[in-house]
Amino acid sequence: MPSLSDRLKSLGVKVGARDLLPPQPRKSPAVRLEETLSGRPYSTHFGETFVVEQRFPIGQTYGQATLQITASLEALASWVGDERITRLPQEAFAFIDTETTGLSGGAGTYAFLIGAGRFTQDEFHLAQFFMRDPFEEPAQLAALEEFLSPCQALVTYNGKSFDIPLLTARYTTHGWQPPFVGFSHIDLLHLSRRLWRDRLASRTLGNIEASILGALRSETDVPGWMIPQLYFDFLRSGDPQPLSGVFYHNAMDVISLAALLNHSAKLLSDPLIFASEHGVDLLSLARLFEDLGDLSMATRLYIHGLEHTDVIENRIPREVYLRAIERLAAIHKRSHHLAEAVSLWEQAARFEHIQAHIELAKFYEHTQRDYEQALYWTQTAISLLESDHFTDYDRRILSPELLHRQKRLLDRLSR
């Protein structure tokens, strides 16, 4: 009987290592990493990693913002829910952004480039820790830990969901406690969504830079989706030149975080001044302060927003306008300022806002005892509910209450 080796040979399969080509060493690149990226090897107790550093003077402008924390952080701390932030000097904040081998964040995902920035007394210090080879990860993480040693707070953009859990996993893999355990954490993605979701279709950091900070990147930048492949190409070829765009992208992300933190703090510390250009921004801030429980500031912002030129000239979405009226009217109702609430409900009712009709029906029935007016607003709401603007779900939720109120009012009027 032919052996397994003979059968493989008959199929054209070569057995053994004699005919295999020797492994090809990676070619030495024509341009060295240090020359391309203006960086240097950095020694730690766990070996070498590679670091690129830049320093910017305190107060340097970045678009319409500056690299400095000049505004009060009190309102920002309230939004984050961490009052420790109000007591921290700007030197305590670390701005973190990672570039990774994948976007899934799984166990096999590495942060091959970690950008970190922090303030000193007279400058903003940006350091980018680069893993030239996966074997350098312990040294890269040790270098980052050393850089973060003066800090007590993190500032990221989607870092709560991605960057920080990924870094935590990498430290844990090596049996280390992450250096940022117990830090305060400000994730500016969540704040940006609250502040600008009604004005900007996209709230990526690059779009926030351009639309809010007024800062534009150079042609050196590369899109985020290309970055993992550019790193894998570097590992195969050793050519560092395509990485220039990756390092630029990461550096701009970190610098933007510092500028955006100061800009956001200004907005929250004095919103009537710093958000007055756009009516929709005033309304977004009003809702944020309402959620924080500062109804006085929320009321002022709603009023200024609803009186803004953007609203008068119909330059904001109707649903944003009606939602603001509804929320301001609710504040007035809770404060027993019913005349102001009724005026707002009547404004909204002109735009066929069904909740305004319901509130007016309640007001005339229970407060004014004017059952004819209450019946009018109830029946108008029932008619609206039959229009194409409402779904079957809306009808199932709202119809029983409206029909019950209509019956009750008709009984009272008949008596």
Protein backbone atom coordinates (compact mmCIF):
# COMPACT_ATOMS: atom_id res chain seq x y z
CA MET A 1 0.00 0.00 0.00
CA PRO A 2 1.47 3.41 -0.93
CA SER A 3 2.43 5.59 2.01
CA LEU A 4 0.84 8.94 2.79
CA SER A 5 4.04 10.60 1.54
CA ASP A 6 3.81 8.75 -1.79
CA ARG A 7 0.15 9.72 -2.21
CA LEU A 8 0.96 13.39 -1.52
CA LYS A 9 3.80 13.28 -4.07
CA SER A 10 1.44 11.80 -6.67
CA LEU A 11 -0.82 14.81 -6.16
CA GLY A 12 2.10 17.16 -6.76
CA VAL A 13 2.55 18.07 -3.12
CA LYS A 14 6.21 18.53 -2.12
CA VAL A 15 7.05 16.91 1.18
CA GLY A 16 9.66 18.20 3.60
CA ALA A 17 11.48 21.51 3.77
CA ARG A 18 14.07 20.90 1.07
CA ASP A 19 12.20 22.76 -1.67
CA LEU A 20 10.87 25.61 0.49
CA LEU A 21 12.26 29.08 -0.12
CA PRO A 22 14.08 30.58 2.86
CA PRO A 23 12.25 33.43 4.64
CA GLN A 24 12.93 36.78 3.06
CA PRO A 25 14.24 39.38 5.50
CA ARG A 26 12.45 42.72 5.54
CA LYS A 27 14.31 45.16 3.32
CA SER A 28 16.02 48.05 5.01
CA PRO A 29 13.99 51.15 4.19
CA ALA A 30 15.59 53.87 2.11
CA VAL A 31 14.44 56.43 4.70
CA ARG A 32 14.90 55.88 8.43
CA LEU A 33 11.99 56.28 10.87
CA GLU A 34 13.82 59.00 12.81
CA GLU A 35 14.28 61.08 9.67
CA THR A 36 10.69 60.71 8.48
CA LEU A 37 8.97 61.42 11.77
CA SER A 38 11.53 63.55 13.63
CA GLY A 39 11.34 61.22 16.60
CA ARG A 40 13.73 59.16 18.69
CA PRO A 41 14.01 55.83 20.46
CA TYR A 42 12.88 56.05 24.09
CA SER A 43 14.30 53.70 26.71
CA THR A 44 12.22 52.16 29.51
CA HIS A 45 12.73 49.30 31.97
CA PHE A 46 11.00 47.10 29.38
CA GLY A 47 13.14 48.05 26.42
CA GLU A 48 12.80 50.70 23.74
CA THR A 49 9.80 52.30 22.08
CA PHE A 50 9.70 55.25 19.69
CA VAL A 51 8.44 58.71 20.60
CA VAL A 52 7.70 61.86 18.59
CA GLU A 53 7.36 65.05 20.63
CA GLN A 54 6.11 68.56 19.90
CA ARG A 55 5.76 71.55 22.19
CA PHE A 56 3.44 74.52 21.73
CA PRO A 57 3.40 77.74 23.75
CA ILE A 58 0.53 78.20 26.18
CA GLY A 59 -2.25 80.22 24.59
CA GLN A 60 -1.35 79.34 20.99
CA THR A 61 -4.42 79.65 18.80
CA TYR A 62 -5.98 76.68 17.09
CA GLY A 63 -8.73 77.93 14.84
CA GLN A 64 -10.96 80.08 17.03
CA ALA A 65 -9.80 78.40 20.26
CA THR A 66 -6.55 78.39 22.24
CA LEU A 67 -4.34 75.74 23.81
CA GLN A 68 -5.08 76.81 27.35
CA ILE A 69 -7.88 76.36 29.87
CA THR A 70 -9.11 79.88 30.55
CA ALA A 71 -12.76 79.30 31.46
CA SER A 72 -14.38 77.94 34.60
CA LEU A 73 -14.88 74.19 34.61
CA GLU A 74 -17.75 74.27 37.11
CA ALA A 75 -20.58 73.73 34.62
CA LEU A 76 -18.54 71.14 32.74
CA ALA A 77 -17.93 69.28 36.00
CA SER A 78 -21.68 69.30 36.68
CA TRP A 79 -22.36 67.81 33.26
CA VAL A 80 -19.70 65.11 33.78
CA GLY A 81 -20.96 64.47 37.30
CA ASP A 82 -17.51 64.77 38.86
CA GLU A 83 -16.95 67.83 41.03
CA ARG A 84 -13.22 66.96 41.36
CA ILE A 85 -12.73 68.55 37.95
CA THR A 86 -13.35 72.04 39.36
CA ARG A 87 -10.34 71.70 41.68
CA LEU A 88 -7.83 70.52 39.08
CA PRO A 89 -5.20 72.80 37.52
CA GLN A 90 -4.80 72.56 33.77
CA GLU A 91 -1.55 70.63 34.29
CA ALA A 92 -3.62 67.73 35.67
CA PHE A 93 -5.46 67.03 32.39
CA ALA A 94 -4.21 64.43 29.92
CA PHE A 95 -5.55 64.44 26.35
CA ILE A 96 -5.50 60.94 24.84
CA ASP A 97 -6.15 59.56 21.36
CA THR A 98 -5.11 56.19 19.94
CA GLU A 99 -4.57 54.74 16.49
CA THR A 100 -5.24 51.02 16.46
CA THR A 101 -4.85 47.88 14.36
CA GLY A 102 -8.64 47.57 14.12
CA LEU A 103 -11.87 49.26 15.08
CA SER A 104 -13.50 46.35 16.89
CA GLY A 105 -11.52 46.77 20.09
CA GLY A 106 -11.22 43.01 20.61
CA ALA A 107 -8.47 41.15 22.42
CA GLY A 108 -6.28 41.13 19.31
CA THR A 109 -6.47 44.88 18.77
CA TYR A 110 -3.32 46.89 19.53
CA ALA A 111 -2.93 50.62 20.02
CA PHE A 112 0.15 50.95 17.84
CA LEU A 113 0.21 54.76 18.26
CA ILE A 114 -0.83 56.54 21.44
CA GLY A 115 -1.01 60.32 21.29
CA ALA A 116 -0.96 62.08 24.64
CA GLY A 117 -0.85 65.77 25.50
CA ARG A 118 -0.62 67.69 28.76
CA PHE A 119 0.00 71.23 29.89
CA THR A 120 3.07 72.35 31.74
CA GLN A 121 3.59 75.80 33.23
CA ASP A 122 4.39 77.42 29.88
CA GLU A 123 3.63 74.97 27.09
CA PHE A 124 1.46 72.19 25.73
CA HIS A 125 3.54 69.03 25.49
CA LEU A 126 2.45 66.49 22.86
CA ALA A 127 4.04 63.02 22.85
CA GLN A 128 3.23 60.19 20.43
CA PHE A 129 4.31 56.73 21.55
CA PHE A 130 4.80 54.41 18.57
CA MET A 131 5.06 50.64 18.59
CA ARG A 132 7.53 49.85 15.82
CA ASP A 133 6.89 46.15 16.42
CA PRO A 134 4.25 44.38 18.55
CA PHE A 135 7.07 43.17 20.82
CA GLU A 136 7.59 46.81 21.87
CA GLU A 137 4.17 47.10 23.50
CA PRO A 138 5.42 46.79 27.13
CA ALA A 139 7.90 49.61 26.55
CA GLN A 140 5.24 51.74 24.82
CA LEU A 141 2.82 51.30 27.72
CA ALA A 142 5.54 52.03 30.28
CA ALA A 143 6.47 55.24 28.46
CA LEU A 144 2.83 56.35 28.44
CA GLU A 145 2.54 55.62 32.16
CA GLU A 146 5.56 57.81 32.84
CA PHE A 147 4.09 60.64 30.74
CA LEU A 148 0.77 60.47 32.63
CA SER A 149 2.34 60.50 36.10
CA PRO A 150 1.52 64.21 36.82
CA CYS A 151 -2.10 63.86 35.61
CA GLN A 152 -5.40 63.20 37.37
CA ALA A 153 -7.99 63.52 34.56
CA LEU A 154 -8.47 62.22 31.03
CA VAL A 155 -9.95 64.10 28.09
CA THR A 156 -10.92 61.96 25.09
CA TYR A 157 -13.28 61.79 22.12
CA ASN A 158 -15.21 58.53 22.35
CA GLY A 159 -12.56 57.40 24.80
CA LYS A 160 -15.05 56.01 27.31
CA SER A 161 -16.29 53.51 24.75
CA PHE A 162 -13.11 52.79 22.81
CA ASP A 163 -9.66 54.23 23.62
CA ILE A 164 -9.61 53.80 27.40
CA PRO A 165 -11.17 50.29 27.50
CA LEU A 166 -8.65 49.26 24.82
CA LEU A 167 -5.68 50.65 26.76
CA THR A 168 -7.03 49.10 29.96
CA ALA A 169 -7.14 45.72 28.20
CA ARG A 170 -3.55 46.11 26.97
CA TYR A 171 -2.23 46.96 30.45
CA THR A 172 -4.24 44.09 31.94
CA THR A 173 -2.81 41.67 29.37
CA HIS A 174 0.64 42.38 30.79
CA GLY A 175 -0.57 42.07 34.37
CA TRP A 176 -0.34 45.82 35.11
CA GLN A 177 -2.83 48.18 36.62
CA PRO A 178 -3.62 50.98 34.14
CA PRO A 179 -2.06 54.31 35.22
CA PHE A 180 -5.36 56.19 34.83
CA VAL A 181 -7.44 54.17 37.31
CA GLY A 182 -9.48 56.61 39.41
CA PHE A 183 -8.93 59.53 37.03
CA SER A 184 -11.76 61.92 36.22
CA HIS A 185 -12.81 61.50 32.60
CA ILE A 186 -14.32 64.01 30.20
CA ASP A 187 -15.50 62.43 26.94
CA LEU A 188 -16.07 65.34 24.59
CA LEU A 189 -17.91 63.22 22.03
CA HIS A 190 -20.94 62.97 24.32
CA LEU A 191 -20.87 66.71 25.03
CA SER A 192 -20.49 67.54 21.32
CA ARG A 193 -23.54 65.43 20.51
CA ARG A 194 -25.56 67.33 23.09
CA LEU A 195 -24.41 70.76 21.95
CA TRP A 196 -24.37 70.47 18.16
CA ARG A 197 -26.55 67.52 17.09
CA ASP A 198 -29.27 69.88 15.82
CA ARG A 199 -26.84 71.95 13.73
CA LEU A 200 -24.25 69.46 12.46
CA ALA A 201 -25.08 66.29 10.57
CA SER A 202 -21.74 64.77 11.60
CA ARG A 203 -20.08 65.15 14.97
CA THR A 204 -16.76 63.47 14.15
CA LEU A 205 -13.80 65.24 15.70
CA GLY A 206 -12.63 66.39 12.27
CA ASN A 207 -16.00 67.97 11.52
CA ILE A 208 -16.15 69.59 14.97
CA GLU A 209 -12.70 71.06 14.30
CA ALA A 210 -13.79 72.60 11.03
CA SER A 211 -17.34 73.67 11.93
CA ILE A 212 -16.95 74.69 15.58
CA LEU A 213 -13.27 75.48 16.12
CA GLY A 214 -12.73 76.85 12.61
CA ALA A 215 -9.53 74.81 12.18
CA LEU A 216 -8.71 73.04 8.91
CA ARG A 217 -6.24 70.19 8.49
CA SER A 218 -3.59 70.08 5.78
CA GLU A 219 -3.46 67.62 2.91
CA THR A 220 -1.07 65.51 4.99
CA ASP A 221 -4.05 64.12 6.92
CA VAL A 222 -5.32 60.63 6.14
CA PRO A 223 -8.83 59.29 6.80
CA GLY A 224 -9.18 57.13 9.89
CA TRP A 225 -10.33 54.04 8.01
CA MET A 226 -6.98 53.86 6.14
CA ILE A 227 -4.79 53.99 9.24
CA PRO A 228 -4.71 50.27 10.25
CA GLN A 229 -3.68 49.24 6.74
CA LEU A 230 -0.92 51.86 6.62
CA TYR A 231 0.52 50.41 9.81
CA PHE A 232 0.39 46.84 8.47
CA ASP A 233 2.14 48.07 5.30
CA PHE A 234 4.88 49.54 7.49
CA LEU A 235 5.32 46.25 9.37
CA ARG A 236 5.75 44.41 6.06
CA SER A 237 7.94 46.89 4.20
CA GLY A 238 9.67 48.90 6.91
CA ASP A 239 9.00 52.04 4.86
CA PRO A 240 7.94 54.77 7.32
CA GLN A 241 7.03 57.45 4.79
CA PRO A 242 3.26 56.63 4.56
CA LEU A 243 3.10 56.95 8.36
CA SER A 244 3.60 60.72 8.19
CA GLY A 245 -0.12 61.19 7.58
CA VAL A 246 -0.99 58.85 10.46
CA PHE A 247 1.16 60.79 12.94
CA TYR A 248 -0.26 64.09 11.66
CA HIS A 249 -3.82 62.78 12.04
CA ASN A 250 -3.17 61.63 15.59
CA ALA A 251 -1.40 64.87 16.57
CA MET A 252 -4.27 66.99 15.29
CA ASP A 253 -6.75 64.86 17.22
CA VAL A 254 -4.88 65.44 20.48
CA ILE A 255 -4.43 69.17 19.88
CA SER A 256 -8.13 69.46 18.97
CA LEU A 257 -9.08 67.85 22.28
CA ALA A 258 -7.19 70.53 24.20
CA ALA A 259 -8.70 73.35 22.14
CA LEU A 260 -12.20 71.85 22.27
CA LEU A 261 -12.09 71.45 26.04
CA ASN A 262 -11.41 75.17 26.47
CA HIS A 263 -14.04 76.11 23.88
CA SER A 264 -16.67 73.89 25.52
CA ALA A 265 -15.84 75.22 28.98
CA LYS A 266 -16.36 78.78 27.68
CA LEU A 267 -19.73 77.86 26.20
CA LEU A 268 -20.93 76.33 29.43
CA SER A 269 -19.53 79.05 31.68
CA ASP A 270 -21.16 81.94 29.76
CA PRO A 271 -23.51 80.51 27.11
CA LEU A 272 -25.42 83.73 26.42
CA ILE A 273 -22.17 85.32 25.23
CA PHE A 274 -20.28 82.49 23.55
CA ALA A 275 -23.25 80.70 21.90
CA SER A 276 -25.17 83.73 20.66
CA GLU A 277 -24.25 83.31 16.98
CA HIS A 278 -26.61 80.38 16.39
CA GLY A 279 -30.12 80.16 17.78
CA VAL A 280 -30.12 76.37 17.62
CA ASP A 281 -27.01 76.28 19.84
CA LEU A 282 -28.78 78.38 22.45
CA LEU A 283 -31.68 75.93 22.45
CA SER A 284 -29.34 72.94 22.78
CA LEU A 285 -27.59 74.59 25.70
CA ALA A 286 -30.96 75.40 27.26
CA ARG A 287 -31.90 71.75 27.23
CA LEU A 288 -28.53 70.78 28.72
CA PHE A 289 -28.89 73.27 31.59
CA GLU A 290 -32.46 72.10 32.13
CA ASP A 291 -31.20 68.53 32.49
CA LEU A 292 -28.58 69.79 34.97
CA GLY A 293 -31.36 71.33 37.05
CA ASP A 294 -30.40 74.96 36.42
CA LEU A 295 -33.87 76.09 35.37
CA SER A 296 -33.02 79.78 35.66
CA MET A 297 -30.26 79.58 33.06
CA ALA A 298 -32.30 77.14 30.96
CA THR A 299 -35.23 79.58 30.86
CA ARG A 300 -33.01 82.47 29.79
CA LEU A 301 -31.43 80.36 27.07
CA TYR A 302 -34.79 79.11 25.76
CA ILE A 303 -36.13 82.67 25.61
CA HIS A 304 -33.04 84.04 23.84
CA GLY A 305 -33.00 81.08 21.48
CA LEU A 306 -36.67 81.42 20.54
CA GLU A 307 -36.17 85.14 19.94
CA HIS A 308 -33.05 84.61 17.82
CA THR A 309 -32.95 85.76 14.20
CA ASP A 310 -32.48 82.15 13.09
CA VAL A 311 -35.90 81.30 14.55
CA ILE A 312 -37.63 84.41 13.26
CA GLU A 313 -36.34 83.71 9.75
CA ASN A 314 -37.19 79.98 9.96
CA ARG A 315 -33.58 78.84 9.71
CA ILE A 316 -33.86 76.05 12.27
CA PRO A 317 -35.74 72.75 11.91
CA ARG A 318 -39.38 72.98 12.95
CA GLU A 319 -39.09 70.01 15.32
CA VAL A 320 -36.25 71.77 17.17
CA TYR A 321 -38.36 74.93 17.50
CA LEU A 322 -41.44 73.05 18.73
CA ARG A 323 -39.43 70.92 21.16
CA ALA A 324 -37.96 74.09 22.69
CA ILE A 325 -41.41 75.66 23.08
CA GLU A 326 -42.72 72.50 24.70
CA ARG A 327 -39.87 72.31 27.21
CA LEU A 328 -39.97 76.02 28.09
CA ALA A 329 -43.74 75.84 28.55
CA ALA A 330 -43.26 72.86 30.87
CA ILE A 331 -40.80 74.89 32.98
CA HIS A 332 -43.31 77.74 33.21
CA LYS A 333 -46.07 75.29 34.14
CA ARG A 334 -43.99 73.78 36.96
CA SER A 335 -43.18 77.29 38.17
CA HIS A 336 -46.91 78.22 38.10
CA HIS A 337 -46.33 80.87 35.42
CA LEU A 338 -49.38 79.72 33.52
CA ALA A 339 -49.86 82.82 31.39
CA GLU A 340 -46.40 82.35 29.85
CA ALA A 341 -47.05 78.63 29.36
CA VAL A 342 -50.41 79.24 27.64
CA SER A 343 -48.83 81.76 25.28
CA LEU A 344 -46.21 79.19 24.26
CA TRP A 345 -48.77 76.41 23.83
CA GLU A 346 -50.78 78.69 21.55
CA GLN A 347 -47.67 79.36 19.46
CA ALA A 348 -47.02 75.65 19.10
CA ALA A 349 -50.66 74.91 18.37
CA ARG A 350 -50.45 77.07 15.25
CA PHE A 351 -47.97 74.50 13.93
CA GLU A 352 -50.38 71.62 14.69
CA HIS A 353 -48.33 70.48 17.68
CA ILE A 354 -50.68 67.98 19.28
CA GLN A 355 -49.14 68.11 22.76
CA ALA A 356 -49.81 71.84 22.85
CA HIS A 357 -53.49 71.15 22.07
CA ILE A 358 -53.62 68.63 24.91
CA GLU A 359 -52.01 71.04 27.37
CA LEU A 360 -54.46 73.79 26.38
CA ALA A 361 -57.37 71.39 26.85
CA LYS A 362 -56.11 70.52 30.34
CA PHE A 363 -55.60 74.18 31.21
CA TYR A 364 -59.10 75.27 30.17
CA GLU A 365 -60.76 72.28 31.81
CA HIS A 366 -58.98 72.16 35.16
CA THR A 367 -57.75 75.73 35.72
CA GLN A 368 -60.21 77.97 33.89
CA ARG A 369 -63.25 75.69 34.10
CA ASP A 370 -63.99 76.82 30.57
CA TYR A 371 -65.41 73.56 29.22
CA GLU A 372 -66.24 74.90 25.77
CA GLN A 373 -62.62 75.97 25.18
CA ALA A 374 -61.40 72.68 26.63
CA LEU A 375 -63.70 70.77 24.28
CA TYR A 376 -62.50 72.84 21.32
CA TRP A 377 -58.82 71.98 21.95
CA THR A 378 -59.68 68.34 22.64
CA GLN A 379 -61.62 67.89 19.44
CA THR A 380 -58.97 69.71 17.43
CA ALA A 381 -56.39 67.31 18.82
CA ILE A 382 -58.58 64.32 17.86
CA SER A 383 -58.86 65.67 14.32
CA LEU A 384 -55.09 66.22 14.11
CA LEU A 385 -54.49 62.66 15.22
CA GLU A 386 -56.30 61.36 12.16
CA SER A 387 -53.90 63.14 9.79
CA ASP A 388 -50.99 61.48 8.02
CA HIS A 389 -48.50 63.19 10.37
CA PHE A 390 -49.24 60.60 13.05
CA THR A 391 -48.70 56.86 13.17
CA ASP A 392 -50.98 54.10 14.36
CA TYR A 393 -48.81 53.89 17.45
CA ASP A 394 -49.47 57.59 18.20
CA ARG A 395 -53.21 56.97 17.83
CA ARG A 396 -53.15 53.95 20.14
CA ILE A 397 -51.34 55.97 22.82
CA LEU A 398 -53.20 59.28 22.58
CA SER A 399 -56.70 58.44 21.40
CA PRO A 400 -58.07 56.79 24.57
CA GLU A 401 -57.21 59.79 26.75
CA LEU A 402 -58.56 62.31 24.22
CA LEU A 403 -61.80 60.41 23.65
CA HIS A 404 -62.30 60.03 27.39
CA ARG A 405 -61.77 63.77 27.89
CA GLN A 406 -64.16 64.57 25.04
CA LYS A 407 -66.89 62.40 26.60
CA ARG A 408 -66.35 63.94 30.03
CA LEU A 409 -66.55 67.48 28.64
CA LEU A 410 -69.69 66.75 26.58
CA ASP A 411 -71.37 65.32 29.70
CA ARG A 412 -70.50 68.41 31.70
CA LEU A 413 -71.74 70.76 29.00
CA SER A 414 -74.98 68.81 28.62
CA ARG A 415 -75.64 69.19 32.33
